[in-house]
Protein backbone atom coordinates (compact mmCIF):
# COMPACT_ATOMS: atom_id res chain seq x y z
CA UNK A 1 62.59 59.41 20.60
CA UNK A 2 65.94 57.85 19.36
CA UNK A 3 65.80 59.70 15.78
CA UNK A 4 65.22 63.28 18.40
CA UNK A 5 68.60 61.80 20.39
CA UNK A 6 70.27 61.41 16.97
CA UNK A 7 69.59 65.13 15.74
CA UNK A 8 70.40 66.32 19.20
CA UNK A 9 73.56 65.11 18.84
CA UNK A 10 74.07 66.10 15.02
CA UNK A 11 73.39 69.81 15.83
CA UNK A 12 77.15 70.75 15.56
CA UNK A 13 77.48 69.50 12.00
CA UNK A 14 74.40 70.34 9.95
CA UNK A 15 75.12 67.60 7.31
CA UNK A 16 74.63 65.30 10.28
CA UNK A 17 71.63 66.99 11.51
CA UNK A 18 70.42 66.79 7.77
CA UNK A 19 71.25 62.64 7.62
CA UNK A 20 69.38 62.65 11.22
CA UNK A 21 66.16 64.63 10.03
CA UNK A 22 66.18 62.68 6.54
CA UNK A 23 66.24 59.45 8.85
CA UNK A 24 63.82 60.39 11.09
CA UNK A 25 61.14 61.41 8.18
CA UNK A 26 62.04 57.82 6.81
CA UNK A 27 60.94 56.19 10.18
CA UNK A 28 57.61 58.22 10.52
CA UNK A 29 56.80 57.31 6.63
CA UNK A 30 57.34 53.58 7.43
CA UNK A 31 55.41 53.69 10.28
CA UNK A 32 52.25 55.14 8.10
């Protein structure tokens, strides 16, 4: 999914990776 693409791009930047993972978590929670 899109969240995984974002996380993949953020691997070079730990902070971006963290933000991407947080976003993915929020999206998963919103999905219920």
